[in-house]
N, C-alpha and C. Protein backbone atom coordinates (compact mmCIF):
# COMPACT_ATOMS: atom_id res chain seq x y z
N MET A 1 35.20 0.83 12.80
CA MET A 1 35.14 0.74 12.08
C MET A 1 34.83 1.73 11.13
N THR A 2 35.41 2.07 9.77
CA THR A 2 35.15 3.56 9.27
C THR A 2 34.34 3.39 8.35
N LEU A 3 33.77 5.33 8.18
CA LEU A 3 33.43 5.88 7.08
C LEU A 3 34.13 5.51 5.76
N GLU A 4 33.32 5.35 4.90
CA GLU A 4 33.99 6.08 3.17
C GLU A 4 32.77 6.87 3.12
N TYR A 5 33.89 7.88 2.42
CA TYR A 5 32.89 9.09 1.82
C TYR A 5 32.99 9.86 0.80
N ILE A 6 32.52 10.20 0.15
CA ILE A 6 32.56 10.31 -1.64
C ILE A 6 32.64 11.92 -1.85
N GLU A 7 33.37 12.42 -3.15
CA GLU A 7 33.45 13.60 -2.95
C GLU A 7 31.95 14.08 -4.53
N ASN A 8 31.78 15.23 -4.38
CA ASN A 8 30.01 14.94 -5.91
C ASN A 8 30.30 13.38 -6.43
N PRO A 9 29.33 12.94 -5.28
CA PRO A 9 29.49 11.36 -6.60
C PRO A 9 27.80 11.46 -8.18
N VAL A 10 28.19 11.05 -8.93
CA VAL A 10 26.62 11.13 -10.29
C VAL A 10 26.01 9.74 -9.58
N ILE A 11 25.41 10.58 -9.82
CA ILE A 11 23.78 9.89 -8.90
C ILE A 11 23.20 9.81 -10.76
N VAL A 12 23.28 8.26 -10.63
CA VAL A 12 22.55 7.50 -12.27
C VAL A 12 20.94 7.80 -11.72
N SER A 13 19.81 8.76 -12.46
CA SER A 13 18.68 8.41 -12.25
C SER A 13 18.00 7.79 -13.90
N HIS A 14 16.81 7.37 -13.70
CA HIS A 14 16.06 6.63 -15.09
C HIS A 14 15.94 7.35 -16.34
N LYS A 15 16.54 7.02 -17.54
CA LYS A 15 16.89 8.61 -18.07
C LYS A 15 15.13 8.04 -18.75
N SER A 16 14.22 6.93 -19.24
CA SER A 16 12.82 7.35 -19.01
C SER A 16 11.75 7.56 -18.69
N ARG A 17 12.37 8.03 -17.37
CA ARG A 17 11.63 8.48 -16.43
C ARG A 17 11.20 9.55 -17.08
N LEU A 18 12.52 10.58 -16.48
CA LEU A 18 13.07 11.67 -16.17
C LEU A 18 12.67 12.69 -18.13
N ILE A 19 12.06 11.38 -19.51
CA ILE A 19 11.94 11.68 -20.31
C ILE A 19 10.42 12.37 -19.95
N ILE A 20 9.82 11.06 -19.47
CA ILE A 20 8.12 10.96 -19.28
C ILE A 20 7.65 12.08 -18.65
N ARG A 21 8.83 12.48 -17.69
CA ARG A 21 7.66 13.55 -16.89
C ARG A 21 8.11 14.79 -17.56
N GLU A 22 9.13 15.41 -18.40
CA GLU A 22 9.32 16.58 -18.70
C GLU A 22 7.71 16.54 -19.91
N VAL A 23 7.56 15.12 -20.70
CA VAL A 23 7.09 15.72 -21.52
C VAL A 23 5.29 16.03 -21.09
N LEU A 24 5.53 14.93 -20.14
CA LEU A 24 3.72 15.63 -19.21
C LEU A 24 4.23 17.32 -18.71
N MET A 25 5.33 17.36 -18.67
CA MET A 25 5.61 19.43 -17.86
C MET A 25 5.72 19.94 -18.98
N SER A 26 5.84 19.47 -20.05
CA SER A 26 6.60 20.55 -21.31
C SER A 26 6.43 20.73 -22.79
N ALA A 27 6.27 18.92 -23.46
CA ALA A 27 5.74 18.57 -24.55
C ALA A 27 5.35 19.29 -25.16
N GLU A 28 5.53 19.11 -26.44
CA GLU A 28 4.43 19.31 -27.57
C GLU A 28 3.52 18.60 -27.89
N THR A 29 2.40 19.52 -27.39
CA THR A 29 1.26 18.62 -27.48
C THR A 29 1.10 17.82 -29.70
N ASN A 30 0.55 16.90 -28.97
CA ASN A 30 0.99 15.67 -30.71
C ASN A 30 2.07 15.52 -31.62
N ARG A 31 3.39 16.08 -31.12
CA ARG A 31 4.86 15.30 -31.82
C ARG A 31 5.42 14.24 -30.83
N TRP A 32 6.14 13.75 -31.91
CA TRP A 32 6.36 12.40 -31.52
C TRP A 32 7.38 12.40 -29.87
N ILE A 33 7.45 12.20 -29.21
CA ILE A 33 8.90 12.18 -28.74
C ILE A 33 10.41 10.55 -28.57
N VAL A 34 10.88 10.81 -28.66
CA VAL A 34 12.31 9.00 -28.83
C VAL A 34 12.20 9.35 -27.09
N VAL A 35 12.02 8.06 -26.44
CA VAL A 35 12.07 7.42 -24.98
C VAL A 35 13.43 7.08 -25.42
N SER A 36 13.64 6.17 -26.20
CA SER A 36 15.55 5.16 -26.16
C SER A 36 15.27 5.10 -28.05
N ALA A 37 16.18 4.24 -28.27
CA ALA A 37 15.93 3.89 -29.40
C ALA A 37 17.89 2.53 -29.43
N THR A 38 17.86 2.21 -29.87
CA THR A 38 18.79 0.54 -30.21
C THR A 38 19.62 1.08 -31.09
N ILE A 39 20.87 0.23 -30.76
CA ILE A 39 22.04 0.75 -31.99
C ILE A 39 22.32 -0.04 -33.92
N ALA A 40 21.53 -1.03 -33.34
CA ALA A 40 21.29 -2.00 -34.45
C ALA A 40 19.57 -2.13 -34.36
N LYS A 41 19.34 -2.89 -35.84
CA LYS A 41 18.13 -3.41 -35.89
C LYS A 41 17.44 -5.41 -35.77
N THR A 42 18.09 -5.75 -35.12
CA THR A 42 17.48 -7.02 -34.59
C THR A 42 16.03 -6.77 -33.77
N GLU A 43 15.95 -8.35 -34.72
CA GLU A 43 14.44 -8.96 -33.68
C GLU A 43 14.84 -9.40 -31.82
N LYS A 44 16.18 -8.73 -31.49
CA LYS A 44 16.39 -8.84 -30.08
C LYS A 44 16.18 -6.78 -29.82
N ASP A 45 16.73 -6.26 -30.52
CA ASP A 45 16.67 -5.05 -30.74
C ASP A 45 15.01 -4.98 -30.48
N ARG A 46 13.92 -5.37 -31.07
CA ARG A 46 12.58 -4.98 -31.17
C ARG A 46 12.37 -5.89 -29.64
N THR A 47 12.03 -6.33 -29.37
CA THR A 47 12.08 -7.42 -28.82
C THR A 47 12.00 -6.57 -26.90
N SER A 48 13.09 -5.63 -27.20
CA SER A 48 13.49 -5.20 -25.55
C SER A 48 13.07 -3.66 -26.32
N VAL A 49 13.11 -2.35 -27.38
CA VAL A 49 12.24 -1.36 -26.92
C VAL A 49 10.48 -2.06 -27.12
N MET A 50 10.17 -3.00 -27.38
CA MET A 50 8.31 -3.22 -26.71
C MET A 50 8.77 -3.61 -26.03
N ASN A 51 9.29 -4.46 -24.92
CA ASN A 51 9.06 -4.28 -23.46
C ASN A 51 9.07 -2.84 -22.94
N LYS A 52 9.69 -2.40 -23.62
CA LYS A 52 10.58 -1.28 -22.24
C LYS A 52 8.66 0.03 -22.46
N MET A 53 8.13 -0.46 -24.02
CA MET A 53 7.18 0.13 -23.94
C MET A 53 5.96 -0.39 -23.39
N TYR A 54 5.64 -1.45 -23.03
CA TYR A 54 5.36 -2.56 -22.40
C TYR A 54 5.03 -1.36 -21.32
N GLN A 55 6.37 -2.24 -20.60
CA GLN A 55 6.22 -1.14 -19.09
C GLN A 55 5.99 0.34 -18.74
N ALA A 56 6.21 0.94 -20.32
CA ALA A 56 6.41 1.91 -19.48
C ALA A 56 4.44 2.44 -19.51
N ARG A 57 3.83 2.20 -20.31
CA ARG A 57 2.27 1.40 -20.43
C ARG A 57 1.43 1.37 -19.58
N LYS A 58 2.58 0.45 -18.67
CA LYS A 58 1.55 -0.01 -17.17
C LYS A 58 2.47 0.36 -15.53
N THR A 59 3.10 1.31 -15.69
CA THR A 59 3.77 2.35 -14.81
C THR A 59 3.40 3.78 -15.33
N TYR A 60 2.73 4.27 -15.85
CA TYR A 60 2.65 4.77 -16.66
C TYR A 60 0.82 5.53 -16.64
N ALA A 61 0.10 4.87 -16.90
CA ALA A 61 -1.14 3.98 -16.89
C ALA A 61 -2.07 5.27 -16.82
N LYS A 62 -2.21 5.97 -15.66
CA LYS A 62 -3.21 6.67 -15.54
C LYS A 62 -2.63 8.30 -16.22
N TYR A 63 -1.69 7.76 -16.91
CA TYR A 63 -1.61 9.46 -17.68
C TYR A 63 -2.40 9.01 -18.97
N THR A 64 -3.55 9.56 -18.98
CA THR A 64 -5.22 8.91 -20.97
C THR A 64 -3.61 9.73 -21.81
N GLN A 65 -3.67 10.85 -21.59
CA GLN A 65 -2.79 11.74 -22.69
C GLN A 65 -1.38 11.98 -23.02
N LEU A 66 -0.95 10.96 -23.05
CA LEU A 66 -0.31 9.86 -23.30
C LEU A 66 -0.41 8.01 -24.37
N GLU A 67 0.11 8.75 -25.90
CA GLU A 67 -0.53 7.54 -26.25
C GLU A 67 1.15 6.92 -26.48
N TRP A 68 1.55 5.75 -26.97
CA TRP A 68 2.92 5.04 -26.86
C TRP A 68 2.65 4.47 -28.29
N ALA A 69 4.28 4.72 -28.71
CA ALA A 69 4.51 3.57 -29.34
C ALA A 69 5.49 2.82 -30.65
N VAL A 70 6.26 2.00 -30.96
CA VAL A 70 6.85 1.32 -31.91
C VAL A 70 7.00 1.71 -32.75
N HIS A 71 8.16 2.84 -33.44
CA HIS A 71 8.75 3.76 -34.58
C HIS A 71 10.04 2.67 -35.23
N GLU A 72 9.74 1.66 -36.05
CA GLU A 72 10.53 1.78 -37.33
C GLU A 72 11.80 2.27 -38.30
N GLY A 73 12.89 2.50 -37.90
CA GLY A 73 13.06 3.74 -38.08
C GLY A 73 14.52 2.44 -39.55
N ILE A 74 15.38 2.81 -40.36
CA ILE A 74 15.56 2.45 -41.20
C ILE A 74 16.63 1.51 -40.90
N ASP A 75 17.83 1.21 -39.78
CA ASP A 75 18.51 0.76 -39.06
C ASP A 75 18.16 0.59 -37.02
N ASN A 76 17.01 0.86 -37.06
CA ASN A 76 17.37 1.15 -36.07
C ASN A 76 15.40 0.89 -34.91
N TYR A 77 15.36 0.37 -33.93
CA TYR A 77 13.63 0.81 -33.53
C TYR A 77 14.24 1.82 -32.07
N SER A 78 12.87 2.47 -32.15
CA SER A 78 12.56 3.53 -31.11
C SER A 78 11.11 3.91 -30.38
N PHE A 79 11.61 3.88 -29.12
CA PHE A 79 10.28 3.73 -28.80
C PHE A 79 10.01 4.97 -27.95
N ILE A 80 8.95 5.52 -28.61
CA ILE A 80 7.99 7.04 -29.19
C ILE A 80 6.91 7.62 -27.96
N VAL A 81 6.77 7.86 -27.86
CA VAL A 81 5.54 8.59 -27.10
C VAL A 81 5.84 9.76 -27.62
N ARG A 82 3.62 10.39 -27.77
CA ARG A 82 3.72 11.54 -27.61
C ARG A 82 2.07 12.49 -26.30
N LYS A 83 2.27 13.20 -25.81
CA LYS A 83 1.25 14.43 -25.70
C LYS A 83 -0.02 14.66 -26.27
N THR A 84 -1.17 14.10 -26.08
CA THR A 84 -2.77 14.18 -26.39
C THR A 84 -3.06 14.95 -26.56
N GLU A 85 -3.95 15.86 -26.38
CA GLU A 85 -5.15 16.41 -26.36
C GLU A 85 -6.12 15.77 -24.89
N SER A 86 -5.81 16.77 -23.45
CA SER A 86 -6.34 16.01 -22.78
C SER A 86 -8.47 15.29 -23.09
N LYS A 87 -8.54 14.45 -23.14
CA LYS A 87 -10.20 13.86 -23.22
C LYS A 87 -11.22 13.89 -22.41
């Protein structure tokens, strides 16, 4: 058996996780931040964004200072989050 090596691998991180981490660490309070957005505006796109929002809400439930929403734009849907004042 021979081992296969790779130089300079491109390691993919979950984009939403990185954005949420950045929001928690350094985002401005009470400003909405786009986590992800759809290309089109179909019912399937809306469902996909809603599912992402609900999953993130469950995953990050312990961070009570985060507020989640879905923004309905002119031609797309966006999954958005903001950091609120600590309660």
